[in-house]
Amino acid sequence: MRTNCAAFISAVILGASCFSCSDNAATGAADASGAEDSAKGYPDSSSGTSTGTSTGTATATGATIGTSTTTTTGTTTGTFTGTTTGVDGGTTPSGDAGQVEAGHGGPVEAGAEAGAPCSVPGTHSIFDGVDLIGWQQPGPPELFSVVDDVTDAGIPFPVIDGKGTTGGELLVTNVGGTTGNGNYGNFRIIVSSNMVATGDTGHLGICFWGGRDPIGQFNNCKLILPPGGTAGLHLYTWDYSLNGGLKGTSSTGTPVYYPTWNTTEILCWLNGLNHMGFCRVALNGTAALTYQEPNLGSIQAGPIGLQLHHGTNEEVQYKDVCVDPAPTVDALLTVP
């Protein structure tokens, strides 16, 4: 059952940005703006294959647009002159020096074999780019499927696509499937998301620490809402056990936001490494918020769900879905 709400939602930082909603919109954290290298969120596409470690200076004139179809192994260090344009329109300024890590670039991991290692240490892919085996959704009709999106250069790459007119639901990790045991207490998830079309109170999100049944429903889960839809260019939160924003959140930074693809990292401890009911969240390579659940009785190990909220004339997409079901490092690994 869904509960309608009429609320004004404000971000934690400054308490200045707000919007109204009619159904399950998010109250949240980390309203931020500003310029920051898009490379921090790994939104950019790259081309080519590199093995081993190389050091030197490379000069690129003009813009590079494209998608890697191979995996980069090793670390390339050098100085780059020019502009790299990613699939979300973000740019890396000329003169940026640093490291290009294996697997970053989006579409590489989107097509990774389920269970294959991702570029962030300890994580593995739970989306194979072919089908949704290992995931659960109600139906018919089924609102989620695998489709090809395209880069600015017209190169296709697979995504999880959710759309429909039957109301919102979750695509959840399945017990015993390719997504592991399907239920997560301590975990790290890194996922890229894109709000393609918005209708009514539509938005996307990543749900966790809730129940499994009925399949596809929100079941008192906790929700992180990346930018898109009614969340706008902000990061918000929602607690479906309270029908309000998560309690116990604190802003930790001001991430850059993109109008299309954004990369979210969520590191949570149901009970581990001296934490109980505690999460860290990063967006596009910047630490954004922490969350300490004050009511530990309201959380449990449960499925991770990718959200299509409301579903009326809206479309959401997810890619590069990587999970560590037993993290041992209490730090956000997408943050430099």
C-alpha atoms as a PDB file:
ATOM      1  CA  MET A   1       0.000   0.000   0.000  1.00  0.00           C
ATOM      2  CA  ARG A   2       1.283   3.457  -0.827  1.00  0.00           C
ATOM      3  CA  THR A   3       0.656   6.443   1.386  1.00  0.00           C
ATOM      4  CA  ASN A   4       0.000   9.809  -0.229  1.00  0.00           C
ATOM      5  CA  CYS A   5       1.763  12.805   1.233  1.00  0.00           C
ATOM      6  CA  ALA A   6       1.731  16.538   0.766  1.00  0.00           C
ATOM      7  CA  ALA A   7       4.982  17.905   1.996  1.00  0.00           C
ATOM      8  CA  PHE A   8       7.588  20.495   1.339  1.00  0.00           C
ATOM      9  CA  ILE A   9      10.993  18.915   1.042  1.00  0.00           C
ATOM     10  CA  SER A  10      14.128  20.776   1.997  1.00  0.00           C
ATOM     11  CA  ALA A  11      17.769  19.902   1.769  1.00  0.00           C
ATOM     12  CA  VAL A  12      19.899  19.694   4.898  1.00  0.00           C
ATOM     13  CA  ILE A  13      22.546  22.095   3.658  1.00  0.00           C
ATOM     14  CA  LEU A  14      21.345  25.674   4.264  1.00  0.00           C
ATOM     15  CA  GLY A  15      17.752  24.412   4.402  1.00  0.00           C
ATOM     16  CA  ALA A  16      17.159  26.593   1.380  1.00  0.00           C
ATOM     17  CA  SER A  17      15.961  24.379  -1.458  1.00  0.00           C
ATOM     18  CA  CYS A  18      12.511  22.832  -1.354  1.00  0.00           C
ATOM     19  CA  PHE A  19       9.795  21.433  -3.542  1.00  0.00           C
ATOM     20  CA  SER A  20       6.304  20.073  -2.993  1.00  0.00           C
ATOM     21  CA  CYS A  21       5.110  16.537  -3.598  1.00  0.00           C
ATOM     22  CA  SER A  22       1.905  14.545  -3.673  1.00  0.00           C
ATOM     23  CA  ASP A  23       3.254  11.018  -3.212  1.00  0.00           C
ATOM     24  CA  ASN A  24       6.350   9.706  -1.472  1.00  0.00           C
ATOM     25  CA  ALA A  25       8.744  12.502  -2.439  1.00  0.00           C
ATOM     26  CA  ALA A  26      11.978  12.762  -0.560  1.00  0.00           C
ATOM     27  CA  THR A  27      13.303  14.824   2.284  1.00  0.00           C
ATOM     28  CA  GLY A  28      16.909  15.014   2.324  1.00  0.00           C
ATOM     29  CA  ALA A  29      20.426  15.965   2.482  1.00  0.00           C
ATOM     30  CA  ALA A  30      23.222  17.628   0.623  1.00  0.00           C
ATOM     31  CA  ASP A  31      21.644  20.323  -1.555  1.00  0.00           C
ATOM     32  CA  ALA A  32      24.711  21.496  -3.353  1.00  0.00           C
ATOM     33  CA  SER A  33      25.919  23.164  -6.504  1.00  0.00           C
ATOM     34  CA  GLY A  34      29.176  24.283  -8.038  1.00  0.00           C
ATOM     35  CA  ALA A  35      31.821  23.287 -10.501  1.00  0.00           C
ATOM     36  CA  GLU A  36      33.883  20.199  -9.908  1.00  0.00           C
ATOM     37  CA  ASP A  37      35.851  17.904 -12.190  1.00  0.00           C
ATOM     38  CA  SER A  38      33.466  15.380 -13.648  1.00  0.00           C
ATOM     39  CA  ALA A  39      36.239  12.844 -13.457  1.00  0.00           C
ATOM     40  CA  LYS A  40      35.596  12.530  -9.737  1.00  0.00           C
ATOM     41  CA  GLY A  41      32.285  10.814 -10.442  1.00  0.00           C
ATOM     42  CA  TYR A  42      33.720   8.745 -13.280  1.00  0.00           C
ATOM     43  CA  PRO A  43      30.951   9.888 -15.679  1.00  0.00           C
ATOM     44  CA  ASP A  44      33.231  10.273 -18.670  1.00  0.00           C
ATOM     45  CA  SER A  45      33.663   7.776 -21.463  1.00  0.00           C
ATOM     46  CA  SER A  46      37.061   6.605 -22.633  1.00  0.00           C
ATOM     47  CA  SER A  47      38.427   4.601 -25.532  1.00  0.00           C
ATOM     48  CA  GLY A  48      41.244   2.124 -25.869  1.00  0.00           C
ATOM     49  CA  THR A  49      43.008  -0.548 -23.894  1.00  0.00           C
ATOM     50  CA  SER A  50      45.940  -0.125 -21.520  1.00  0.00           C
ATOM     51  CA  THR A  51      47.751  -2.892 -19.687  1.00  0.00           C
ATOM     52  CA  GLY A  52      50.263  -2.310 -16.936  1.00  0.00           C
ATOM     53  CA  THR A  53      51.494   1.060 -15.754  1.00  0.00           C
ATOM     54  CA  SER A  54      52.723   3.842 -17.990  1.00  0.00           C
ATOM     55  CA  THR A  55      53.928   7.342 -17.202  1.00  0.00           C
ATOM     56  CA  GLY A  56      54.203  10.183 -19.648  1.00  0.00           C
ATOM     57  CA  THR A  57      52.592  13.161 -21.260  1.00  0.00           C
ATOM     58  CA  ALA A  58      49.767  12.951 -23.769  1.00  0.00           C
ATOM     59  CA  THR A  59      48.238  15.833 -25.676  1.00  0.00           C
ATOM     60  CA  ALA A  60      44.683  15.771 -26.998  1.00  0.00           C
ATOM     61  CA  THR A  61      43.300  18.564 -29.089  1.00  0.00           C
ATOM     62  CA  GLY A  62      39.580  19.063 -29.126  1.00  0.00           C
ATOM     63  CA  ALA A  63      37.032  16.835 -27.443  1.00  0.00           C
ATOM     64  CA  THR A  64      37.002  13.090 -27.029  1.00  0.00           C
ATOM     65  CA  ILE A  65      33.593  11.487 -27.105  1.00  0.00           C
ATOM     66  CA  GLY A  66      33.061   7.780 -27.010  1.00  0.00           C
ATOM     67  CA  THR A  67      32.600   4.632 -25.047  1.00  0.00           C
ATOM     68  CA  SER A  68      35.147   2.024 -24.158  1.00  0.00           C
ATOM     69  CA  THR A  69      34.249  -1.475 -25.239  1.00  0.00           C
ATOM     70  CA  THR A  70      37.250  -3.049 -23.553  1.00  0.00           C
ATOM     71  CA  THR A  71      38.482  -3.187 -19.999  1.00  0.00           C
ATOM     72  CA  THR A  72      41.458  -1.108 -18.950  1.00  0.00           C
ATOM     73  CA  THR A  73      43.877  -2.989 -16.751  1.00  0.00           C
ATOM     74  CA  GLY A  74      46.409  -1.227 -14.593  1.00  0.00           C
ATOM     75  CA  THR A  75      46.959   2.453 -13.951  1.00  0.00           C
ATOM     76  CA  THR A  76      47.906   5.149 -16.424  1.00  0.00           C
ATOM     77  CA  THR A  77      49.480   8.266 -14.991  1.00  0.00           C
ATOM     78  CA  GLY A  78      50.150  11.353 -17.041  1.00  0.00           C
ATOM     79  CA  THR A  79      49.265  14.908 -17.927  1.00  0.00           C
ATOM     80  CA  PHE A  80      46.389  15.496 -20.313  1.00  0.00           C
ATOM     81  CA  THR A  81      45.765  18.630 -22.362  1.00  0.00           C
ATOM     82  CA  GLY A  82      42.360  19.141 -23.934  1.00  0.00           C
ATOM     83  CA  THR A  83      38.797  18.397 -22.954  1.00  0.00           C
ATOM     84  CA  THR A  84      37.101  15.048 -22.431  1.00  0.00           C
ATOM     85  CA  THR A  85      33.323  15.061 -22.790  1.00  0.00           C
ATOM     86  CA  GLY A  86      31.353  12.302 -21.061  1.00  0.00           C
ATOM     87  CA  VAL A  87      28.008  10.780 -21.859  1.00  0.00           C
ATOM     88  CA  ASP A  88      26.344  13.123 -19.387  1.00  0.00           C
ATOM     89  CA  GLY A  89      27.851  16.233 -20.892  1.00  0.00           C
ATOM     90  CA  GLY A  90      30.354  16.776 -18.102  1.00  0.00           C
ATOM     91  CA  THR A  91      33.870  17.824 -18.977  1.00  0.00           C
ATOM     92  CA  THR A  92      37.296  17.348 -17.511  1.00  0.00           C
ATOM     93  CA  PRO A  93      39.238  20.627 -17.805  1.00  0.00           C
ATOM     94  CA  SER A  94      42.460  20.750 -19.754  1.00  0.00           C
ATOM     95  CA  GLY A  95      45.632  20.285 -17.780  1.00  0.00           C
ATOM     96  CA  ASP A  96      44.073  17.791 -15.372  1.00  0.00           C
ATOM     97  CA  ALA A  97      46.628  15.272 -14.170  1.00  0.00           C
ATOM     98  CA  GLY A  98      45.863  12.073 -12.340  1.00  0.00           C
ATOM     99  CA  GLN A  99      45.095   8.402 -12.665  1.00  0.00           C
ATOM    100  CA  VAL A 100      42.690   6.562 -14.928  1.00  0.00           C
ATOM    101  CA  GLU A 101      41.580   3.464 -13.054  1.00  0.00           C
ATOM    102  CA  ALA A 102      40.596   0.216 -14.663  1.00  0.00           C
ATOM    103  CA  GLY A 103      36.898  -0.143 -15.445  1.00  0.00           C
ATOM    104  CA  HIS A 104      35.828   3.479 -15.010  1.00  0.00           C
ATOM    105  CA  GLY A 105      33.923   4.923 -17.919  1.00  0.00           C
ATOM    106  CA  GLY A 106      30.450   3.512 -17.308  1.00  0.00           C
ATOM    107  CA  PRO A 107      29.529   1.195 -20.179  1.00  0.00           C
ATOM    108  CA  VAL A 108      32.457  -1.140 -19.468  1.00  0.00           C
ATOM    109  CA  GLU A 109      30.948  -2.316 -16.181  1.00  0.00           C
ATOM    110  CA  ALA A 110      27.372  -2.136 -17.449  1.00  0.00           C
ATOM    111  CA  GLY A 111      28.082  -5.109 -19.664  1.00  0.00           C
ATOM    112  CA  ALA A 112      30.219  -7.016 -17.193  1.00  0.00           C
ATOM    113  CA  GLU A 113      29.402 -10.638 -16.520  1.00  0.00           C
ATOM    114  CA  ALA A 114      27.369 -10.985 -13.327  1.00  0.00           C
ATOM    115  CA  GLY A 115      29.768 -11.833 -10.535  1.00  0.00           C
ATOM    116  CA  ALA A 116      32.762 -10.363 -12.358  1.00  0.00           C
ATOM    117  CA  PRO A 117      34.956  -7.961 -10.364  1.00  0.00           C
ATOM    118  CA  CYS A 118      34.223  -4.260 -10.784  1.00  0.00           C
ATOM    119  CA  SER A 119      36.862  -1.551 -10.747  1.00  0.00           C
ATOM    120  CA  VAL A 120      36.270  -0.577  -7.110  1.00  0.00           C
ATOM    121  CA  PRO A 121      38.109  -3.089  -4.881  1.00  0.00           C
ATOM    122  CA  GLY A 122      35.858  -5.694  -3.257  1.00  0.00           C
ATOM    123  CA  THR A 123      32.843  -5.065  -5.503  1.00  0.00           C
ATOM    124  CA  HIS A 124      31.393  -7.312  -8.201  1.00  0.00           C
ATOM    125  CA  SER A 125      28.801  -6.787 -10.899  1.00  0.00           C
ATOM    126  CA  ILE A 126      25.195  -7.827 -10.257  1.00  0.00           C
ATOM    127  CA  PHE A 127      23.954  -6.746 -13.708  1.00  0.00           C
ATOM    128  CA  ASP A 128      25.239  -8.669 -16.715  1.00  0.00           C
ATOM    129  CA  GLY A 129      23.937  -6.291 -19.375  1.00  0.00           C
ATOM    130  CA  VAL A 130      21.875  -9.074 -20.969  1.00  0.00           C
ATOM    131  CA  ASP A 131      18.868  -9.885 -18.781  1.00  0.00           C
ATOM    132  CA  LEU A 132      17.444  -9.535 -15.264  1.00  0.00           C
ATOM    133  CA  ILE A 133      18.152 -13.055 -14.065  1.00  0.00           C
ATOM    134  CA  GLY A 134      18.919 -12.765 -10.363  1.00  0.00           C
ATOM    135  CA  TRP A 135      16.440  -9.923  -9.886  1.00  0.00           C
ATOM    136  CA  GLN A 136      12.762  -9.956  -8.910  1.00  0.00           C
ATOM    137  CA  GLN A 137       9.839  -7.765  -9.903  1.00  0.00           C
ATOM    138  CA  PRO A 138       6.064  -8.187  -9.772  1.00  0.00           C
ATOM    139  CA  GLY A 139       4.010  -8.549 -12.884  1.00  0.00           C
ATOM    140  CA  PRO A 140       2.549  -8.759 -15.325  1.00  0.00           C
ATOM    141  CA  PRO A 141       3.150  -6.235 -16.573  1.00  0.00           C
ATOM    142  CA  GLU A 142       6.853  -6.090 -15.771  1.00  0.00           C
ATOM    143  CA  LEU A 143       8.074  -2.498 -15.632  1.00  0.00           C
ATOM    144  CA  PHE A 144      11.813  -3.240 -15.785  1.00  0.00           C
ATOM    145  CA  SER A 145      13.756  -4.636 -18.747  1.00  0.00           C
ATOM    146  CA  VAL A 146      17.216  -4.453 -20.317  1.00  0.00           C
ATOM    147  CA  VAL A 147      17.587  -2.030 -23.227  1.00  0.00           C
ATOM    148  CA  ASP A 148      20.410  -0.296 -25.057  1.00  0.00           C
ATOM    149  CA  ASP A 149      21.059   3.370 -24.426  1.00  0.00           C
ATOM    150  CA  VAL A 150      23.521   5.214 -26.650  1.00  0.00           C
ATOM    151  CA  THR A 151      26.414   7.561 -26.015  1.00  0.00           C
ATOM    152  CA  ASP A 152      26.701  10.959 -27.664  1.00  0.00           C
ATOM    153  CA  ALA A 153      28.777   9.190 -30.317  1.00  0.00           C
ATOM    154  CA  GLY A 154      25.930   6.768 -31.030  1.00  0.00           C
ATOM    155  CA  ILE A 155      27.579   3.729 -29.434  1.00  0.00           C
ATOM    156  CA  PRO A 156      25.057   1.466 -27.616  1.00  0.00           C
ATOM    157  CA  PHE A 157      25.479   0.180 -24.070  1.00  0.00           C
ATOM    158  CA  PRO A 158      23.067  -1.886 -21.942  1.00  0.00           C
ATOM    159  CA  VAL A 159      21.031  -0.430 -19.080  1.00  0.00           C
ATOM    160  CA  ILE A 160      18.272  -1.511 -16.722  1.00  0.00           C
ATOM    161  CA  ASP A 161      15.249   0.458 -17.927  1.00  0.00           C
ATOM    162  CA  GLY A 162      12.090   1.021 -15.887  1.00  0.00           C
ATOM    163  CA  LYS A 163       8.945   2.571 -17.299  1.00  0.00           C
ATOM    164  CA  GLY A 164       5.209   2.096 -17.212  1.00  0.00           C
ATOM    165  CA  THR A 165       1.835   3.538 -16.289  1.00  0.00           C
ATOM    166  CA  THR A 166       0.812   1.156 -13.496  1.00  0.00           C
ATOM    167  CA  GLY A 167       2.348   2.929 -10.501  1.00  0.00           C
ATOM    168  CA  GLY A 168       5.778   2.655  -8.924  1.00  0.00           C
ATOM    169  CA  GLU A 169       7.712  -0.395  -7.794  1.00  0.00           C
ATOM    170  CA  LEU A 170      11.161  -1.794  -7.006  1.00  0.00           C
ATOM    171  CA  LEU A 171      13.367  -4.159  -8.959  1.00  0.00           C
ATOM    172  CA  VAL A 172      14.948  -6.138  -6.103  1.00  0.00           C
ATOM    173  CA  THR A 173      17.864  -8.511  -5.662  1.00  0.00           C
ATOM    174  CA  ASN A 174      16.679 -12.110  -5.614  1.00  0.00           C
ATOM    175  CA  VAL A 175      17.602 -14.744  -3.032  1.00  0.00           C
ATOM    176  CA  GLY A 176      19.844 -17.352  -4.605  1.00  0.00           C
ATOM    177  CA  GLY A 177      20.269 -15.450  -7.868  1.00  0.00           C
ATOM    178  CA  THR A 178      23.279 -13.903  -9.545  1.00  0.00           C
ATOM    179  CA  THR A 179      22.952 -10.990  -7.121  1.00  0.00           C
ATOM    180  CA  GLY A 180      24.266 -13.204  -4.286  1.00  0.00           C
ATOM    181  CA  ASN A 181      22.092 -14.105  -1.326  1.00  0.00           C
ATOM    182  CA  GLY A 182      19.749 -11.263  -2.246  1.00  0.00           C
ATOM    183  CA  ASN A 183      19.585  -9.820   1.285  1.00  0.00           C
ATOM    184  CA  TYR A 184      22.084  -7.248   2.483  1.00  0.00           C
ATOM    185  CA  GLY A 185      22.835  -5.919   5.982  1.00  0.00           C
ATOM    186  CA  ASN A 186      26.399  -4.678   5.668  1.00  0.00           C
ATOM    187  CA  PHE A 187      27.085  -3.711   2.058  1.00  0.00           C
ATOM    188  CA  ARG A 188      28.610  -1.291  -0.407  1.00  0.00           C
ATOM    189  CA  ILE A 189      26.737  -0.532  -3.619  1.00  0.00           C
ATOM    190  CA  ILE A 190      27.916   1.650  -6.478  1.00  0.00           C
ATOM    191  CA  VAL A 191      25.388   2.378  -9.213  1.00  0.00           C
ATOM    192  CA  SER A 192      24.839   4.962 -11.941  1.00  0.00           C
ATOM    193  CA  SER A 193      21.321   6.265 -12.581  1.00  0.00           C
ATOM    194  CA  ASN A 194      19.542   8.479 -15.079  1.00  0.00           C
ATOM    195  CA  MET A 195      16.064  10.002 -15.013  1.00  0.00           C
ATOM    196  CA  VAL A 196      14.989   9.797 -18.656  1.00  0.00           C
ATOM    197  CA  ALA A 197      11.428  11.131 -18.356  1.00  0.00           C
ATOM    198  CA  THR A 198       9.424  12.477 -15.432  1.00  0.00           C
ATOM    199  CA  GLY A 199       5.684  12.275 -14.941  1.00  0.00           C
ATOM    200  CA  ASP A 200       3.694  13.473 -11.933  1.00  0.00           C
ATOM    201  CA  THR A 201       5.782  12.723  -8.781  1.00  0.00           C
ATOM    202  CA  GLY A 202       8.261  10.460 -10.519  1.00  0.00           C
ATOM    203  CA  HIS A 203      11.811   9.919  -9.288  1.00  0.00           C
ATOM    204  CA  LEU A 204      14.334   7.131  -8.939  1.00  0.00           C
ATOM    205  CA  GLY A 205      16.199   5.749  -5.920  1.00  0.00           C
ATOM    206  CA  ILE A 206      18.089   2.960  -4.172  1.00  0.00           C
ATOM    207  CA  CYS A 207      16.172   1.191  -1.378  1.00  0.00           C
ATOM    208  CA  PHE A 208      17.657  -0.994   1.397  1.00  0.00           C
ATOM    209  CA  TRP A 209      17.106  -2.353   4.945  1.00  0.00           C
ATOM    210  CA  GLY A 210      13.434  -3.115   4.300  1.00  0.00           C
ATOM    211  CA  GLY A 211      11.323  -6.247   3.876  1.00  0.00           C
ATOM    212  CA  ARG A 212      11.009  -8.427   0.786  1.00  0.00           C
ATOM    213  CA  ASP A 213       7.273  -9.114   0.612  1.00  0.00           C
ATOM    214  CA  PRO A 214       5.191  -8.179  -1.250  1.00  0.00           C
ATOM    215  CA  ILE A 215       7.773  -8.316  -4.033  1.00  0.00           C
ATOM    216  CA  GLY A 216       8.368  -4.938  -5.623  1.00  0.00           C
ATOM    217  CA  GLN A 217       6.748  -2.911  -2.840  1.00  0.00           C
ATOM    218  CA  PHE A 218       8.682  -0.486  -0.630  1.00  0.00           C
ATOM    219  CA  ASN A 219       8.169  -2.510   2.577  1.00  0.00           C
ATOM    220  CA  ASN A 220       9.481   0.110   5.049  1.00  0.00           C
ATOM    221  CA  CYS A 221      12.816   0.413   3.272  1.00  0.00           C
ATOM    222  CA  LYS A 222      15.238   3.325   3.533  1.00  0.00           C
ATOM    223  CA  LEU A 223      15.766   5.260   0.302  1.00  0.00           C
ATOM    224  CA  ILE A 224      18.572   7.343  -1.173  1.00  0.00           C
ATOM    225  CA  LEU A 225      17.355   9.470  -4.103  1.00  0.00           C
ATOM    226  CA  PRO A 226      20.009  10.527  -6.627  1.00  0.00           C
ATOM    227  CA  PRO A 227      19.247  13.571  -8.792  1.00  0.00           C
ATOM    228  CA  GLY A 228      16.322  13.317 -11.189  1.00  0.00           C
ATOM    229  CA  GLY A 229      12.574  13.835 -11.334  1.00  0.00           C
ATOM    230  CA  THR A 230      11.001  15.515  -8.322  1.00  0.00           C
ATOM    231  CA  ALA A 231      14.389  15.383  -6.572  1.00  0.00           C
ATOM    232  CA  GLY A 232      15.732  17.809  -9.174  1.00  0.00           C
ATOM    233  CA  LEU A 233      19.492  18.294  -9.161  1.00  0.00           C
ATOM    234  CA  HIS A 234      19.782  17.340  -5.499  1.00  0.00           C
ATOM    235  CA  LEU A 235      20.408  14.306  -3.311  1.00  0.00           C
ATOM    236  CA  TYR A 236      17.503  13.416  -1.044  1.00  0.00           C
ATOM    237  CA  THR A 237      16.416  10.675   1.356  1.00  0.00           C
ATOM    238  CA  TRP A 238      13.169   8.979   2.365  1.00  0.00           C
ATOM    239  CA  ASP A 239      12.068   6.549   5.078  1.00  0.00           C
ATOM    240  CA  TYR A 240       9.090   4.421   4.045  1.00  0.00           C
ATOM    241  CA  SER A 241       8.514   3.373   7.655  1.00  0.00           C
ATOM    242  CA  LEU A 242       7.926   7.031   8.573  1.00  0.00           C
ATOM    243  CA  ASN A 243       6.742   8.500   5.248  1.00  0.00           C
ATOM    244  CA  GLY A 244       9.296  11.239   5.755  1.00  0.00           C
ATOM    245  CA  GLY A 245      12.964  11.934   5.284  1.00  0.00           C
ATOM    246  CA  LEU A 246      15.565   9.756   6.986  1.00  0.00           C
ATOM    247  CA  LYS A 247      16.316  10.757  10.553  1.00  0.00           C
ATOM    248  CA  GLY A 248      19.909  11.134  11.653  1.00  0.00           C
ATOM    249  CA  THR A 249      21.410  12.470   8.411  1.00  0.00           C
ATOM    250  CA  SER A 250      24.300  14.932   8.293  1.00  0.00           C
ATOM    251  CA  SER A 251      25.767  16.665   5.273  1.00  0.00           C
ATOM    252  CA  THR A 252      29.445  15.965   4.629  1.00  0.00           C
ATOM    253  CA  GLY A 253      30.095  17.679   1.303  1.00  0.00           C
ATOM    254  CA  THR A 254      28.798  19.476  -1.774  1.00  0.00           C
ATOM    255  CA  PRO A 255      28.836  17.126  -4.759  1.00  0.00           C
ATOM    256  CA  VAL A 256      28.401  18.152  -8.361  1.00  0.00           C
ATOM    257  CA  TYR A 257      25.124  17.075  -9.983  1.00  0.00           C
ATOM    258  CA  TYR A 258      24.486  16.097 -13.590  1.00  0.00           C
ATOM    259  CA  PRO A 259      21.216  16.347 -15.545  1.00  0.00           C
ATOM    260  CA  THR A 260      21.576  12.774 -16.823  1.00  0.00           C
ATOM    261  CA  TRP A 261      23.870  10.082 -15.404  1.00  0.00           C
ATOM    262  CA  ASN A 262      24.953  10.336 -11.745  1.00  0.00           C
ATOM    263  CA  THR A 263      27.011   7.782  -9.800  1.00  0.00           C
ATOM    264  CA  THR A 264      26.020   6.977  -6.201  1.00  0.00           C
ATOM    265  CA  GLU A 265      28.015   4.997  -3.651  1.00  0.00           C
ATOM    266  CA  ILE A 266      26.264   3.778  -0.494  1.00  0.00           C
ATOM    267  CA  LEU A 267      28.260   2.082   2.281  1.00  0.00           C
ATOM    268  CA  CYS A 268      26.094   0.703   5.113  1.00  0.00           C
ATOM    269  CA  TRP A 269      26.658  -1.207   8.331  1.00  0.00           C
ATOM    270  CA  LEU A 270      23.655  -2.938   9.841  1.00  0.00           C
ATOM    271  CA  ASN A 271      26.094  -4.264  12.448  1.00  0.00           C
ATOM    272  CA  GLY A 272      29.806  -4.207  11.756  1.00  0.00           C
ATOM    273  CA  LEU A 273      33.133  -2.379  12.158  1.00  0.00           C
ATOM    274  CA  ASN A 274      31.925  -0.584  15.296  1.00  0.00           C
ATOM    275  CA  HIS A 275      28.768   0.657  13.540  1.00  0.00           C
ATOM    276  CA  MET A 276      25.101  -0.233  13.914  1.00  0.00           C
ATOM    277  CA  GLY A 277      22.571   1.255  11.522  1.00  0.00           C
ATOM    278  CA  PHE A 278      25.109   3.606   9.951  1.00  0.00           C
ATOM    279  CA  CYS A 279      25.666   4.621   6.310  1.00  0.00           C
ATOM    280  CA  ARG A 280      27.948   6.840   4.257  1.00  0.00           C
ATOM    281  CA  VAL A 281      26.834   8.189   0.868  1.00  0.00           C
ATOM    282  CA  ALA A 282      28.845   9.711  -1.985  1.00  0.00           C
ATOM    283  CA  LEU A 283      27.646  11.233  -5.218  1.00  0.00           C
ATOM    284  CA  ASN A 284      29.840  11.631  -8.284  1.00  0.00           C
ATOM    285  CA  GLY A 285      33.027  11.134  -6.317  1.00  0.00           C
ATOM    286  CA  THR A 286      32.240  13.473  -3.404  1.00  0.00           C
ATOM    287  CA  ALA A 287      31.167  12.425   0.098  1.00  0.00           C
ATOM    288  CA  ALA A 288      27.647  13.825   0.491  1.00  0.00           C
ATOM    289  CA  LEU A 289      26.079  12.627   3.744  1.00  0.00           C
ATOM    290  CA  THR A 290      26.120  10.229   6.660  1.00  0.00           C
ATOM    291  CA  TYR A 291      23.064   8.526   8.126  1.00  0.00           C
ATOM    292  CA  GLN A 292      22.712   7.082  11.624  1.00  0.00           C
ATOM    293  CA  GLU A 293      19.390   5.292  12.092  1.00  0.00           C
ATOM    294  CA  PRO A 294      18.054   6.236  15.544  1.00  0.00           C
ATOM    295  CA  ASN A 295      15.539   3.365  15.669  1.00  0.00           C
ATOM    296  CA  LEU A 296      17.559   0.199  15.136  1.00  0.00           C
ATOM    297  CA  GLY A 297      14.407  -1.889  15.459  1.00  0.00           C
ATOM    298  CA  SER A 298      13.160  -0.431  12.178  1.00  0.00           C
ATOM    299  CA  ILE A 299      15.941  -1.901  10.025  1.00  0.00           C
ATOM    300  CA  GLN A 300      16.825  -5.403   8.861  1.00  0.00           C
ATOM    301  CA  ALA A 301      18.916  -7.179   6.264  1.00  0.00           C
ATOM    302  CA  GLY A 302      16.875  -7.136   3.102  1.00  0.00           C
ATOM    303  CA  PRO A 303      16.959  -6.772  -0.675  1.00  0.00           C
ATOM    304  CA  ILE A 304      18.498  -3.850  -2.491  1.00  0.00           C
ATOM    305  CA  GLY A 305      15.883  -2.277  -4.721  1.00  0.00           C
ATOM    306  CA  LEU A 306      16.167  -0.011  -7.756  1.00  0.00           C
ATOM    307  CA  GLN A 307      13.157   2.287  -7.790  1.00  0.00           C
ATOM    308  CA  LEU A 308      10.723   3.452 -10.419  1.00  0.00           C
ATOM    309  CA  HIS A 309       8.542   5.811  -8.400  1.00  0.00           C
ATOM    310  CA  HIS A 310       4.931   6.304  -9.440  1.00  0.00           C
ATOM    311  CA  GLY A 311       5.508   5.032 -12.973  1.00  0.00           C
ATOM    312  CA  THR A 312       3.103   7.414 -14.725  1.00  0.00           C
ATOM    313  CA  ASN A 313       4.736   8.488 -17.980  1.00  0.00           C
ATOM    314  CA  GLU A 314       8.166   8.227 -16.443  1.00  0.00           C
ATOM    315  CA  GLU A 315      11.321   6.340 -17.338  1.00  0.00           C
ATOM    316  CA  VAL A 316      14.394   5.579 -15.230  1.00  0.00           C
ATOM    317  CA  GLN A 317      17.662   3.830 -16.077  1.00  0.00           C
ATOM    318  CA  TYR A 318      20.433   2.152 -14.061  1.00  0.00           C
ATOM    319  CA  LYS A 319      23.845   0.791 -15.060  1.00  0.00           C
ATOM    320  CA  ASP A 320      27.200  -0.233 -13.571  1.00  0.00           C
ATOM    321  CA  VAL A 321      25.523  -1.961 -10.600  1.00  0.00           C
ATOM    322  CA  CYS A 322      28.356  -3.187  -8.367  1.00  0.00           C
ATOM    323  CA  VAL A 323      28.072  -4.577  -4.826  1.00  0.00           C
ATOM    324  CA  ASP A 324      30.348  -5.671  -1.993  1.00  0.00           C
ATOM    325  CA  PRO A 325      28.219  -7.820   0.361  1.00  0.00           C
ATOM    326  CA  ALA A 326      30.855  -7.831   3.124  1.00  0.00           C
ATOM    327  CA  PRO A 327      32.859  -4.583   3.095  1.00  0.00           C
ATOM    328  CA  THR A 328      35.971  -4.440   5.273  1.00  0.00           C
ATOM    329  CA  VAL A 329      36.966  -0.818   4.625  1.00  0.00           C
ATOM    330  CA  ASP A 330      35.046   1.931   6.431  1.00  0.00           C
ATOM    331  CA  ALA A 331      35.550   4.517   3.702  1.00  0.00           C
ATOM    332  CA  LEU A 332      33.880   5.622   0.490  1.00  0.00           C
ATOM    333  CA  LEU A 333      36.024   4.191  -2.301  1.00  0.00           C
ATOM    334  CA  THR A 334      34.744   6.405  -5.122  1.00  0.00           C
ATOM    335  CA  VAL A 335      35.955   9.477  -3.249  1.00  0.00           C
ATOM    336  CA  PRO A 336      39.555  10.436  -4.129  1.00  0.00           C
END
